[in-house]
Structure formats: C-alpha cells, structure tokens
Amino acid sequence: MRPFIDFTDWDKTDRKIFAKITTLLKDIDRASFTGLGKPEPLKHQLSGYWSRRITNEHRLVYQVNDAEISVVSCRYHYE
C-alpha cells in the first residue's frame, strides 16, 4: 500500500515526478526489462526485482509476474 500512497503524494507535491512515474509504468507495460529509466535487475534481498531511475534521488522498484506489474517503491533508493 505504501507505493500507492507515495504515487498519489507525488501527484500533489511534484507533478513532474508524477508524470515521469506514469511514463515509466507505461514503458514497463510495453517492455518490462528494457526502455526508459535505465532498467537494472536488483541483487541480494531484492533479487527478482527491477529498478528504473525516476530522478537522481528516486527509483521505481518493481517486479513483473505474468501480466502484472507490482510496484514496491517509487520514492528514494531501494527502500
């Protein structure tokens, strides 16, 4: 639930970041592991998850299972 709260908070606090996350999500839906935001597979305790750059400070961390995208973070680095 935290990623959804962060996502909706971006809509209120920084429309540019909100728009970037929306663009990244559309790109993930199109091509899960290539494309915008420098996609990279994560390691260690986040093995199986991927990261894309929103800004220098923030990352979108997600996992793709079948046709479902599960976002686990869209604020800060890998939290």
Protein backbone atom coordinates (compact mmCIF):
# COMPACT_ATOMS: atom_id res chain seq x y z
CA MET A 1 0.00 0.00 0.00
CA ARG A 2 2.93 2.35 0.66
CA PRO A 3 3.89 2.64 -3.04
CA PHE A 4 0.35 3.73 -3.92
CA ILE A 5 0.41 6.37 -1.18
CA ASP A 6 3.79 7.63 -2.42
CA PHE A 7 2.49 7.69 -6.00
CA THR A 8 -0.59 9.73 -5.10
CA ASP A 9 1.55 12.05 -2.94
CA TRP A 10 3.70 12.81 -5.99
CA ASP A 11 0.53 13.94 -7.77
CA LYS A 12 0.04 16.55 -5.04
CA THR A 13 3.65 17.58 -4.39
CA ASP A 14 5.57 17.23 -7.68
CA ARG A 15 3.61 16.82 -10.91
CA LYS A 16 6.82 16.38 -12.93
CA ILE A 17 7.84 13.30 -10.92
CA PHE A 18 4.26 12.01 -11.02
CA ALA A 19 4.29 12.30 -14.83
CA LYS A 20 7.68 10.57 -15.03
CA ILE A 21 6.43 7.63 -12.93
CA THR A 22 3.35 7.35 -15.13
CA THR A 23 5.55 7.31 -18.24
CA LEU A 24 7.82 4.65 -16.71
CA LEU A 25 4.83 2.46 -15.81
CA LYS A 26 3.54 2.65 -19.38
CA ASP A 27 7.01 1.75 -20.65
CA ILE A 28 7.25 -1.20 -18.23
CA ASP A 29 3.89 -2.42 -19.52
CA ARG A 30 5.28 -2.25 -23.06
CA ALA A 31 8.76 -3.68 -22.38
CA SER A 32 9.33 -4.91 -18.84
CA PHE A 33 13.11 -5.02 -18.77
CA THR A 34 14.27 -2.52 -21.40
CA GLY A 35 13.49 1.08 -22.24
CA LEU A 36 13.31 4.30 -20.26
CA GLY A 37 14.88 4.99 -16.87
CA LYS A 38 17.93 2.72 -17.17
CA PRO A 39 16.26 -0.54 -16.09
CA GLU A 40 18.52 -2.75 -14.00
CA PRO A 41 17.95 -6.02 -12.15
CA LEU A 42 18.45 -5.78 -8.41
CA LYS A 43 20.53 -8.18 -6.34
CA HIS A 44 20.69 -9.70 -2.88
CA GLN A 45 17.47 -9.31 -0.84
CA LEU A 46 15.77 -7.63 -3.82
CA SER A 47 16.69 -10.34 -6.31
CA GLY A 48 13.86 -10.74 -8.82
CA TYR A 49 13.01 -7.03 -8.70
CA TRP A 50 13.99 -4.33 -11.17
CA SER A 51 14.77 -0.65 -10.76
CA ARG A 52 14.27 2.33 -13.05
CA ARG A 53 15.51 5.85 -12.44
CA ILE A 54 12.85 8.47 -11.75
CA THR A 55 15.37 11.16 -10.72
CA ASN A 56 18.89 11.08 -9.30
CA GLU A 57 17.33 10.65 -5.85
CA HIS A 58 14.32 8.42 -6.55
CA ARG A 59 13.87 4.97 -8.10
CA LEU A 60 10.87 2.96 -9.23
CA VAL A 61 11.32 -0.59 -7.90
CA TYR A 62 9.05 -3.21 -9.40
CA GLN A 63 8.53 -6.87 -10.19
CA VAL A 64 6.74 -8.36 -13.19
CA ASN A 65 4.80 -11.61 -12.83
CA ASP A 66 2.90 -12.82 -15.90
CA ALA A 67 0.96 -9.73 -16.98
CA GLU A 68 1.06 -7.95 -13.61
CA ILE A 69 3.41 -5.15 -12.56
CA SER A 70 3.94 -4.93 -8.79
CA VAL A 71 5.48 -1.66 -7.64
CA VAL A 72 7.24 -1.89 -4.28
CA SER A 73 8.73 1.61 -4.15
CA CYS A 74 8.62 4.91 -6.02
CA ARG A 75 10.44 7.12 -3.53
CA TYR A 76 14.13 7.18 -2.59
CA HIS A 77 16.64 4.41 -3.36
CA TYR A 78 15.54 0.81 -2.86
CA GLU A 79 13.58 1.32 0.38
